[in-house]
Amino acid sequence: MSSLVSTFITHIAQCFTTSSADNLLTSLPLTDAHPFFGPLRQAVTSVPENAISASSVSQQLGFVGNDVKDNLAAFISATLMNVRSRKSFTTLSTEEAYEGFIRLSTVYSEANKLYTMTNEDGRHLHAFMNPMIVSLAKTLVEVSHHAASLSTLPLRNSKSARSIRDATRQVIERSMQISNANMTESDWNAYSNQQYMVGDIVWDLSDILFRIYAERKLHSQSAELSRTLESLTPHENKRFAARGQIVPSTTICQSYYWRGKIRLILLEFRQAKYWLDKAWNFAPKDQQGWKQRRSILIRLIAVNMLVGQLPSEATLREYDLLEFLPLIYAYKSGNIPLWRRTLDQNRDWFRRRSIWLILYERGEILIWRNLFRKTLKTYHQMDPSLPKNKCPTWIFVSATYRTFLGTGEIEDGTIELEDIICVLSSLIDHGLIRGFLSYSQRQLTMKPTQDGLGCFPRISDVEPRKTQLAGQSRE
């Protein structure tokens, strides 16, 4: 066997047996960008393939304990096989890209077998593999993305783009299962001062998985992953308190962002706001964190609008989010045509950020609410002597008619009392108006207040109606 190959095997084994995380990570050539890759590839191609098989590698691991030798030999062998056949991305055919993905996936699977090993007490033996596992996950995502982009096979084919992405997701999910293992209070107190714990990378892995789920619109998996993080034992807040210096704040911020984003997609607005607020507070406040803060703010503005909170114009200008300015004006003034027109004109921009649908479906009813509130306020200002506990419905018909006049919308010139009755009934049903509607008397009866606006609670005080997605179980 080539001396370089033998040296590599011995070196990796020594890094492993001495739990040298940094040396293991820097010595492992996963792609041709690694400085060791070229010389090692030349060496492994000069020896027979069976010379780097798991059984051959195992024979050189005499100093490694029998409990781990076979798994370690399989991992090193898979790494060498990957190096032997790996080619540059730019020259890969579709078949070569798929084979490269399979070889790297095999390396990752063998690494997971080592990573999952525990002692008799259930403690993970190789937590020092944390940096390598994260690096493998990121590299596999990159390699699989390239292989999937080249595949044109039908979805059910094992080499299709969907199958490649599924295999990538599953091998990373296996690492996540290992990392999020719960610990008893006594075990946590005993081991939390160790340099490495498998739980330290649960947020790194979850951020990778969240991105995979988002790209494929796997919202149920994202929601389940979010619940997993929030039910860790010990709780993640306790883990941060004890080992926060090990987990970068940007990683925590990203985790909060993904959890807020999936809550927004699932129409759980208050939970979305909770996590996005946490992400905003964790985001770096320097120039390097501007892009991350902007991504958070886009979703935070959307959810805040749905709970009655609006950003300042200065904030929108600071983060180059002027697309929201017409929406803010329409929101405040109850200008329904402007709201619709802005969403339509910027449909692609909002859709790419997963907020168009919720603004379109959930936002317009708030604009109707604001239009009617503004109408009622004007009605009482014109004649302060009017009763404060009721008002005629014709004022809403008149205001709506003027709002849509000349806009070309379907309501332009066609608004009638029956239409307004339907809108008012919907607002009452959603809790956005608190009162009773009398169709026969054509009036809205409400709780009397000094300003006559007692039927309009603050939007932030209204509990949104819960929505259950298809296939979502009831709790």
Protein backbone atom coordinates (compact mmCIF):
# COMPACT_ATOMS: atom_id res chain seq x y z
CA MET A 1 0.00 0.00 0.00
CA SER A 2 1.13 3.54 -0.70
CA SER A 3 2.99 5.11 2.23
CA LEU A 4 0.85 8.23 1.94
CA VAL A 5 -2.35 6.20 2.24
CA SER A 6 -0.97 4.34 5.26
CA THR A 7 0.08 7.61 6.84
CA PHE A 8 -3.37 9.07 6.26
CA ILE A 9 -5.09 6.06 7.85
CA THR A 10 -2.83 6.17 10.87
CA HIS A 11 -3.23 9.94 11.24
CA ILE A 12 -7.04 9.86 11.13
CA ALA A 13 -7.08 6.98 13.61
CA GLN A 14 -4.79 8.88 15.98
CA CYS A 15 -6.96 12.01 15.71
CA PHE A 16 -9.94 9.85 16.58
CA THR A 17 -8.43 7.94 19.49
CA THR A 18 -7.05 11.14 21.02
CA SER A 19 -10.40 12.92 20.53
CA SER A 20 -8.70 15.69 18.59
CA ALA A 21 -11.68 17.44 17.05
CA ASP A 22 -9.76 20.20 15.25
CA ASN A 23 -7.17 17.86 13.73
CA LEU A 24 -9.87 15.43 12.63
CA LEU A 25 -11.85 18.19 10.94
CA THR A 26 -8.88 19.81 9.17
CA SER A 27 -7.39 16.45 8.07
CA LEU A 28 -10.53 15.08 6.42
CA PRO A 29 -10.63 15.75 2.64
CA LEU A 30 -14.29 15.66 1.61
CA THR A 31 -14.04 17.62 -1.65
CA ASP A 32 -11.29 18.59 -4.11
CA ALA A 33 -11.02 22.00 -2.40
CA HIS A 34 -9.13 20.39 0.51
CA PRO A 35 -5.30 20.76 0.32
CA PHE A 36 -4.79 17.06 1.06
CA PHE A 37 -7.21 15.95 -1.62
CA GLY A 38 -4.95 16.06 -4.69
CA PRO A 39 -1.96 14.15 -3.28
CA LEU A 40 -4.18 11.65 -1.49
CA ARG A 41 -6.27 11.02 -4.58
CA GLN A 42 -3.13 10.35 -6.61
CA ALA A 43 -1.97 7.90 -3.94
CA VAL A 44 -5.26 5.97 -3.60
CA THR A 45 -5.65 5.61 -7.37
CA SER A 46 -2.24 3.89 -7.48
CA VAL A 47 -3.38 1.04 -5.22
CA PRO A 48 -6.05 -1.63 -5.81
CA GLU A 49 -9.51 -0.79 -4.55
CA ASN A 50 -9.49 -3.72 -2.12
CA ALA A 51 -6.39 -2.22 -0.47
CA ILE A 52 -8.56 0.55 0.97
CA SER A 53 -11.51 -1.65 1.90
CA ALA A 54 -12.75 -1.66 5.48
CA SER A 55 -11.07 -5.02 6.21
CA SER A 56 -7.71 -3.78 4.87
CA VAL A 57 -7.93 -0.54 6.82
CA SER A 58 -8.87 -2.46 9.98
CA GLN A 59 -5.57 -4.35 9.83
CA GLN A 60 -3.70 -1.07 10.28
CA LEU A 61 -5.69 -0.09 13.36
CA GLY A 62 -4.00 -2.42 15.84
CA PHE A 63 -3.75 0.37 18.41
CA VAL A 64 -7.52 1.06 18.24
CA GLY A 65 -9.90 -0.67 20.67
CA ASN A 66 -11.99 -3.52 19.30
CA ASP A 67 -15.22 -1.80 20.33
CA VAL A 68 -14.69 0.96 17.76
CA LYS A 69 -12.22 -0.54 15.27
CA ASP A 70 -14.74 -1.88 12.75
CA ASN A 71 -16.78 1.31 12.64
CA LEU A 72 -13.69 3.50 12.40
CA ALA A 73 -12.23 1.31 9.63
CA ALA A 74 -15.51 1.56 7.68
CA PHE A 75 -15.48 5.34 8.06
CA ILE A 76 -11.87 5.74 6.89
CA SER A 77 -12.46 3.33 4.01
CA ALA A 78 -15.54 5.28 2.89
CA THR A 79 -13.49 8.49 3.03
CA LEU A 80 -10.74 7.00 0.87
CA MET A 81 -13.27 5.62 -1.61
CA ASN A 82 -14.78 9.09 -1.85
CA VAL A 83 -11.37 10.64 -2.51
CA ARG A 84 -10.49 7.95 -5.06
CA SER A 85 -13.49 8.66 -7.31
CA ARG A 86 -14.22 12.31 -6.60
CA LYS A 87 -14.01 14.73 -9.52
CA SER A 88 -14.40 18.47 -9.89
CA PHE A 89 -17.98 19.78 -9.90
CA THR A 90 -17.48 21.50 -13.24
CA THR A 91 -16.64 18.29 -15.09
CA LEU A 92 -19.24 15.94 -13.59
CA SER A 93 -21.80 14.15 -15.71
CA THR A 94 -25.23 13.39 -14.24
CA GLU A 95 -24.21 9.82 -13.33
CA GLU A 96 -20.89 10.92 -11.87
CA ALA A 97 -22.58 13.59 -9.76
CA TYR A 98 -25.00 10.99 -8.38
CA GLU A 99 -22.20 8.51 -7.62
CA GLY A 100 -20.24 11.27 -5.89
CA PHE A 101 -23.26 12.08 -3.77
CA ILE A 102 -23.70 8.39 -2.82
CA ARG A 103 -20.05 8.06 -1.81
CA LEU A 104 -20.14 11.18 0.36
CA SER A 105 -23.46 10.07 1.84
CA THR A 106 -21.78 6.77 2.75
CA VAL A 107 -18.99 8.68 4.51
CA TYR A 108 -21.63 10.58 6.47
CA SER A 109 -23.57 7.40 7.35
CA GLU A 110 -20.42 5.74 8.66
CA ALA A 111 -19.64 8.88 10.67
CA ASN A 112 -23.13 8.69 12.21
CA LYS A 113 -22.44 5.12 13.34
CA LEU A 114 -19.40 6.36 15.25
CA TYR A 115 -21.25 9.41 16.50
CA THR A 116 -24.12 7.40 17.97
CA MET A 117 -21.92 5.07 20.05
CA THR A 118 -22.50 5.25 23.82
CA ASN A 119 -21.08 3.64 26.93
CA GLU A 120 -23.00 1.50 29.40
CA ASP A 121 -24.36 4.64 31.09
CA GLY A 122 -25.77 5.93 27.80
CA ARG A 123 -23.22 8.72 27.47
CA HIS A 124 -22.07 9.43 23.92
CA LEU A 125 -18.43 8.48 23.48
CA HIS A 126 -17.48 10.61 20.49
CA ALA A 127 -18.98 14.03 21.07
CA PHE A 128 -15.71 15.51 19.82
CA MET A 129 -16.99 14.65 16.32
CA ASN A 130 -19.35 17.65 16.57
CA PRO A 131 -17.41 19.96 14.19
CA MET A 132 -16.92 17.17 11.67
CA ILE A 133 -20.62 16.21 11.70
CA VAL A 134 -21.65 19.82 11.01
CA SER A 135 -19.05 20.08 8.23
CA LEU A 136 -20.27 16.82 6.69
CA ALA A 137 -23.88 18.05 6.77
CA LYS A 138 -23.03 21.31 5.02
CA THR A 139 -20.84 19.59 2.42
CA LEU A 140 -23.44 16.91 1.71
CA VAL A 141 -26.11 19.57 1.14
CA GLU A 142 -23.84 21.27 -1.40
CA VAL A 143 -22.97 18.03 -3.20
CA SER A 144 -26.55 16.75 -3.22
CA HIS A 145 -27.83 20.08 -4.54
CA HIS A 146 -25.50 19.79 -7.53
CA ALA A 147 -26.44 16.16 -8.17
CA ALA A 148 -30.15 16.94 -7.88
CA SER A 149 -29.87 19.89 -10.25
CA LEU A 150 -28.44 17.60 -12.95
CA SER A 151 -30.99 14.80 -12.58
CA THR A 152 -33.89 14.67 -15.03
CA LEU A 153 -35.28 11.29 -13.94
CA PRO A 154 -38.90 10.73 -12.81
CA LEU A 155 -39.71 11.50 -9.17
CA ARG A 156 -40.02 7.85 -8.11
CA ASN A 157 -36.65 6.89 -9.56
CA SER A 158 -33.97 6.28 -6.92
CA LYS A 159 -31.67 8.70 -8.76
CA SER A 160 -34.22 11.47 -9.16
CA ALA A 161 -33.75 14.93 -7.68
CA ARG A 162 -36.40 14.23 -5.06
CA SER A 163 -34.78 10.94 -4.02
CA ILE A 164 -31.38 12.63 -3.72
CA ARG A 165 -32.82 15.37 -1.54
CA ASP A 166 -34.74 12.85 0.57
CA ALA A 167 -31.57 10.83 1.18
CA THR A 168 -29.71 14.01 2.18
CA ARG A 169 -32.45 15.01 4.58
CA GLN A 170 -32.58 11.56 6.18
CA VAL A 171 -28.87 11.23 6.91
CA ILE A 172 -28.79 14.71 8.50
CA GLU A 173 -31.96 13.89 10.47
CA ARG A 174 -30.08 10.90 11.88
CA SER A 175 -27.40 13.22 13.25
CA MET A 176 -30.15 15.42 14.64
CA GLN A 177 -31.69 12.44 16.45
CA ILE A 178 -28.35 11.72 18.09
CA SER A 179 -27.71 15.34 19.00
CA ASN A 180 -31.11 16.08 20.55
CA ALA A 181 -30.98 13.12 22.94
CA ASN A 182 -32.50 14.15 26.27
CA MET A 183 -30.48 14.02 29.46
CA THR A 184 -31.53 13.56 33.04
CA GLU A 185 -30.85 16.34 35.51
CA SER A 186 -28.10 14.32 37.19
CA ASP A 187 -26.40 13.47 33.88
CA TRP A 188 -26.54 17.10 32.79
CA ASN A 189 -24.99 18.28 36.05
CA ALA A 190 -22.27 15.62 35.72
CA TYR A 191 -21.31 16.22 32.09
CA SER A 192 -22.22 19.82 31.26
CA ASN A 193 -18.68 21.00 32.03
CA GLN A 194 -17.18 18.75 29.32
CA GLN A 195 -15.50 20.32 26.30
CA TYR A 196 -17.86 18.55 23.91
CA MET A 197 -21.46 17.35 24.20
CA VAL A 198 -23.48 16.02 21.28
CA GLY A 199 -26.27 18.43 22.16
CA ASP A 200 -24.06 21.41 21.35
CA ILE A 201 -24.73 21.12 17.61
CA VAL A 202 -28.47 20.60 17.78
CA TRP A 203 -29.00 24.21 16.64
CA ASP A 204 -26.44 23.98 13.80
CA LEU A 205 -28.09 20.84 12.46
CA SER A 206 -31.59 22.18 12.92
CA ASP A 207 -30.73 25.33 10.94
CA ILE A 208 -29.53 23.13 8.07
CA LEU A 209 -32.70 21.04 8.25
CA PHE A 210 -34.96 24.09 8.52
CA ARG A 211 -33.46 25.39 5.27
CA ILE A 212 -33.96 22.03 3.56
CA TYR A 213 -37.57 21.88 4.75
CA ALA A 214 -38.23 25.46 3.66
CA GLU A 215 -36.84 24.90 0.15
CA ARG A 216 -39.09 21.85 -0.26
CA LYS A 217 -42.08 23.35 1.59
CA LEU A 218 -42.06 20.54 4.16
CA HIS A 219 -43.96 22.61 6.71
CA SER A 220 -45.04 19.68 8.88
CA GLN A 221 -41.43 18.61 9.32
CA SER A 222 -40.42 22.18 10.15
CA ALA A 223 -43.15 22.42 12.77
CA GLU A 224 -42.12 19.10 14.30
CA LEU A 225 -38.46 20.15 14.39
CA SER A 226 -39.46 23.40 16.07
CA ARG A 227 -41.37 21.46 18.73
CA THR A 228 -38.37 19.19 19.22
CA LEU A 229 -36.11 22.14 19.99
CA GLU A 230 -38.65 23.63 22.37
CA SER A 231 -39.02 20.36 24.30
CA LEU A 232 -35.35 19.57 24.84
CA THR A 233 -34.42 18.18 28.25
CA PRO A 234 -32.79 20.12 29.82
CA HIS A 235 -34.57 23.07 28.19
CA GLU A 236 -32.53 24.98 25.63
CA ASN A 237 -32.44 28.07 27.87
CA LYS A 238 -30.62 26.06 30.52
CA ARG A 239 -28.26 24.73 27.87
CA PHE A 240 -27.51 28.25 26.67
CA ALA A 241 -26.86 29.38 30.23
CA ALA A 242 -24.33 26.61 30.78
CA ARG A 243 -22.76 26.31 27.33
CA GLY A 244 -23.77 29.49 25.54
CA GLN A 245 -20.16 30.34 24.73
CA ILE A 246 -19.97 27.20 22.57
CA VAL A 247 -23.04 28.04 20.46
CA PRO A 248 -22.58 31.18 18.29
CA SER A 249 -25.25 33.83 18.80
CA THR A 250 -25.80 33.91 15.03
CA THR A 251 -26.72 30.20 15.13
CA ILE A 252 -29.22 30.78 17.94
CA CYS A 253 -30.62 33.79 16.11
CA GLN A 254 -31.08 31.72 12.95
CA SER A 255 -32.87 29.01 14.92
CA TYR A 256 -35.31 31.53 16.37
CA TYR A 257 -35.84 33.01 12.90
CA TRP A 258 -36.77 29.66 11.38
CA ARG A 259 -39.17 28.92 14.21
CA GLY A 260 -40.84 32.29 13.75
CA LYS A 261 -41.06 31.79 10.01
CA ILE A 262 -42.78 28.39 10.24
CA ARG A 263 -45.25 29.78 12.80
CA LEU A 264 -46.03 32.56 10.35
CA ILE A 265 -46.63 30.06 7.53
CA LEU A 266 -48.91 28.07 9.85
CA LEU A 267 -50.82 31.29 10.68
CA GLU A 268 -49.82 31.17 14.35
CA PHE A 269 -49.19 34.90 14.49
CA ARG A 270 -48.48 35.42 18.17
CA GLN A 271 -46.05 32.51 18.29
CA ALA A 272 -44.44 33.83 15.11
CA LYS A 273 -44.02 37.24 16.71
CA TYR A 274 -42.56 35.67 19.87
CA TRP A 275 -39.80 33.84 17.99
CA LEU A 276 -39.08 36.60 15.51
CA ASP A 277 -38.75 39.09 18.36
CA LYS A 278 -36.24 36.75 20.01
CA ALA A 279 -34.35 36.43 16.74
CA TRP A 280 -34.28 40.22 16.36
CA ASN A 281 -32.89 40.65 19.86
CA PHE A 282 -30.14 38.07 19.18
CA ALA A 283 -29.18 39.37 15.74
CA PRO A 284 -25.78 41.12 15.57
CA LYS A 285 -26.24 44.87 15.57
CA ASP A 286 -23.15 45.61 13.45
CA GLN A 287 -22.98 46.10 9.70
CA GLN A 288 -22.19 42.42 9.13
CA GLY A 289 -25.50 41.50 10.74
CA TRP A 290 -27.53 43.90 8.57
CA LYS A 291 -28.63 41.25 6.09
CA GLN A 292 -29.71 38.86 8.84
CA ARG A 293 -31.63 41.62 10.63
CA ARG A 294 -33.32 42.57 7.36
CA SER A 295 -34.50 38.98 6.76
CA ILE A 296 -35.95 38.85 10.26
CA LEU A 297 -37.55 42.27 9.92
CA ILE A 298 -39.37 41.37 6.70
CA ARG A 299 -41.28 38.60 8.47
CA LEU A 300 -41.58 40.57 11.68
CA ILE A 301 -43.22 43.50 9.88
CA ALA A 302 -45.76 41.12 8.31
CA VAL A 303 -46.70 39.47 11.59
CA ASN A 304 -46.73 42.78 13.48
CA MET A 305 -49.18 44.23 10.98
CA LEU A 306 -51.50 41.33 11.65
CA VAL A 307 -51.42 42.04 15.38
CA GLY A 308 -51.78 45.79 14.98
CA GLN A 309 -48.20 47.08 15.20
CA LEU A 310 -46.60 49.10 12.41
CA PRO A 311 -42.93 49.94 11.72
CA SER A 312 -41.70 53.48 11.35
CA GLU A 313 -40.82 54.89 7.96
CA ALA A 314 -37.26 55.43 9.22
CA THR A 315 -36.92 51.71 9.93
CA LEU A 316 -38.20 50.80 6.48
CA ARG A 317 -35.70 53.15 4.85
CA GLU A 318 -32.83 51.93 7.01
CA TYR A 319 -33.38 48.35 5.86
CA ASP A 320 -34.38 49.17 2.27
CA LEU A 321 -37.92 47.86 2.69
CA LEU A 322 -39.88 50.56 0.90
CA GLU A 323 -42.17 47.88 -0.58
CA PHE A 324 -44.04 48.08 2.71
CA LEU A 325 -44.69 51.84 2.63
CA PRO A 326 -47.88 51.74 0.51
CA LEU A 327 -49.16 48.85 2.64
CA ILE A 328 -48.61 50.87 5.80
CA TYR A 329 -50.50 53.83 4.35
CA ALA A 330 -53.35 51.59 3.17
CA TYR A 331 -53.46 49.92 6.57
CA LYS A 332 -53.74 53.18 8.47
CA SER A 333 -56.26 54.80 6.14
CA GLY A 334 -58.41 51.76 5.40
CA ASN A 335 -57.63 52.09 1.69
CA ILE A 336 -58.57 48.61 0.51
CA PRO A 337 -57.90 49.19 -3.23
CA LEU A 338 -54.38 50.45 -2.46
CA TRP A 339 -53.73 47.41 -0.25
CA ARG A 340 -54.81 45.03 -3.01
CA ARG A 341 -52.92 46.93 -5.72
CA THR A 342 -49.68 46.98 -3.72
CA LEU A 343 -49.84 43.26 -3.02
CA ASP A 344 -50.57 42.56 -6.67
CA GLN A 345 -47.78 44.78 -8.01
CA ASN A 346 -45.22 43.31 -5.59
CA ARG A 347 -46.59 39.79 -5.64
CA ASP A 348 -43.30 38.10 -6.59
CA TRP A 349 -41.30 40.02 -3.98
CA PHE A 350 -43.69 39.10 -1.18
CA ARG A 351 -44.08 35.52 -2.34
CA ARG A 352 -40.34 34.87 -2.38
CA ARG A 353 -40.37 35.81 1.30
CA SER A 354 -43.40 33.64 2.16
CA ILE A 355 -45.56 36.54 3.34
CA TRP A 356 -47.79 37.34 0.35
CA LEU A 357 -50.49 34.79 1.13
CA ILE A 358 -50.90 35.71 4.79
CA LEU A 359 -51.03 39.44 3.99
CA TYR A 360 -53.51 38.77 1.19
CA GLU A 361 -55.77 36.45 3.19
CA ARG A 362 -55.41 37.84 6.71
CA GLY A 363 -54.50 41.45 6.10
CA GLU A 364 -57.47 42.72 4.12
CA ILE A 365 -60.01 42.12 6.88
CA LEU A 366 -57.95 44.43 9.11
CA ILE A 367 -58.11 47.11 6.41
CA TRP A 368 -61.90 46.82 6.36
CA ARG A 369 -61.85 47.12 10.15
CA ASN A 370 -59.73 50.26 9.98
CA LEU A 371 -61.95 51.76 7.27
CA PHE A 372 -65.06 51.23 9.39
CA ARG A 373 -63.37 52.54 12.54
CA LYS A 374 -62.27 55.68 10.70
CA THR A 375 -65.83 56.06 9.34
CA LEU A 376 -67.40 55.76 12.79
CA LYS A 377 -64.90 58.23 14.26
CA THR A 378 -65.71 60.77 11.56
CA TYR A 379 -69.44 60.20 12.10
CA HIS A 380 -69.21 61.12 15.77
CA GLN A 381 -66.89 64.06 15.13
CA MET A 382 -69.44 65.58 12.77
CA ASP A 383 -72.11 65.53 15.48
CA PRO A 384 -70.86 64.89 19.05
CA SER A 385 -74.44 64.75 20.31
CA LEU A 386 -75.14 61.49 18.52
CA PRO A 387 -75.63 58.41 20.74
CA LYS A 388 -72.39 56.59 21.44
CA ASN A 389 -73.86 53.11 21.65
CA LYS A 390 -75.20 52.73 18.12
CA CYS A 391 -74.80 53.94 14.56
CA PRO A 392 -76.60 53.43 11.24
CA THR A 393 -75.10 51.01 8.76
CA TRP A 394 -75.51 53.47 5.89
CA ILE A 395 -72.37 55.32 7.03
CA PHE A 396 -70.30 52.22 6.22
CA VAL A 397 -72.02 51.82 2.85
CA SER A 398 -71.25 55.43 2.00
CA ALA A 399 -67.60 55.25 3.11
CA THR A 400 -67.01 52.02 1.20
CA TYR A 401 -68.64 53.45 -1.93
CA ARG A 402 -66.28 56.45 -1.83
CA THR A 403 -63.25 54.24 -1.16
CA PHE A 404 -63.80 52.10 -4.24
CA LEU A 405 -65.12 54.82 -6.55
CA GLY A 406 -63.09 54.99 -9.77
CA THR A 407 -60.69 52.20 -8.76
CA GLY A 408 -61.93 49.61 -11.23
CA GLU A 409 -62.28 47.04 -8.44
CA ILE A 410 -65.26 44.72 -8.48
CA GLU A 411 -66.82 46.81 -5.68
CA ASP A 412 -66.57 50.04 -7.71
CA GLY A 413 -70.12 51.38 -7.94
CA THR A 414 -71.72 48.11 -6.86
CA ILE A 415 -71.61 48.33 -3.06
CA GLU A 416 -74.97 47.71 -1.40
CA LEU A 417 -76.16 47.27 2.18
CA GLU A 418 -76.10 43.49 1.93
CA ASP A 419 -72.40 43.59 1.08
CA ILE A 420 -71.63 45.73 4.12
CA ILE A 421 -73.76 43.50 6.35
CA CYS A 422 -71.61 40.55 5.27
CA VAL A 423 -68.37 42.41 6.05
CA LEU A 424 -69.63 43.66 9.42
CA SER A 425 -70.79 40.15 10.33
CA SER A 426 -67.36 38.79 9.46
CA LEU A 427 -65.62 41.46 11.56
CA ILE A 428 -67.89 40.64 14.50
CA ASP A 429 -67.23 36.93 14.02
CA HIS A 430 -63.46 37.53 14.13
CA GLY A 431 -63.77 39.65 17.27
CA LEU A 432 -62.60 42.78 15.46
CA ILE A 433 -65.94 44.49 16.19
CA ARG A 434 -67.75 43.93 19.47
CA GLY A 435 -71.41 44.64 19.01
CA PHE A 436 -74.74 43.46 17.63
CA LEU A 437 -75.92 44.00 14.10
CA SER A 438 -79.62 44.62 13.52
CA TYR A 439 -80.52 44.10 9.88
CA SER A 440 -84.16 45.16 10.30
CA GLN A 441 -83.21 48.43 12.04
CA ARG A 442 -80.08 48.81 9.89
CA GLN A 443 -77.85 49.76 12.75
CA LEU A 444 -74.86 48.56 14.75
CA THR A 445 -75.34 48.45 18.52
CA MET A 446 -72.24 48.52 20.71
CA LYS A 447 -70.86 49.25 24.15
CA PRO A 448 -71.07 53.01 24.81
CA THR A 449 -67.80 54.87 25.34
CA GLN A 450 -66.86 58.54 25.42
CA ASP A 451 -65.42 58.54 21.90
CA GLY A 452 -68.06 56.21 20.45
CA LEU A 453 -65.47 53.64 19.38
CA GLY A 454 -66.15 51.08 22.06
CA CYS A 455 -66.95 48.37 19.55
CA PHE A 456 -63.43 48.45 18.11
CA PRO A 457 -60.95 46.70 20.45
CA ARG A 458 -57.24 47.09 19.86
CA ILE A 459 -56.14 44.62 17.20
CA SER A 460 -53.36 43.43 19.50
CA ASP A 461 -56.01 42.42 22.06
CA VAL A 462 -57.96 40.26 19.62
CA GLU A 463 -57.13 36.57 19.71
CA PRO A 464 -56.91 35.39 16.08
CA ARG A 465 -59.10 32.49 15.15
CA LYS A 466 -57.09 29.26 15.15
CA THR A 467 -56.62 27.65 11.77
CA GLN A 468 -55.99 23.94 11.32
CA LEU A 469 -54.12 22.92 8.20
CA ALA A 470 -55.15 19.82 6.27
CA GLY A 471 -53.57 16.77 7.88
CA GLN A 472 -52.65 18.64 11.07
CA SER A 473 -53.73 16.81 14.22
CA ARG A 474 -55.70 18.51 16.95
CA GLU A 475 -53.98 18.98 20.29
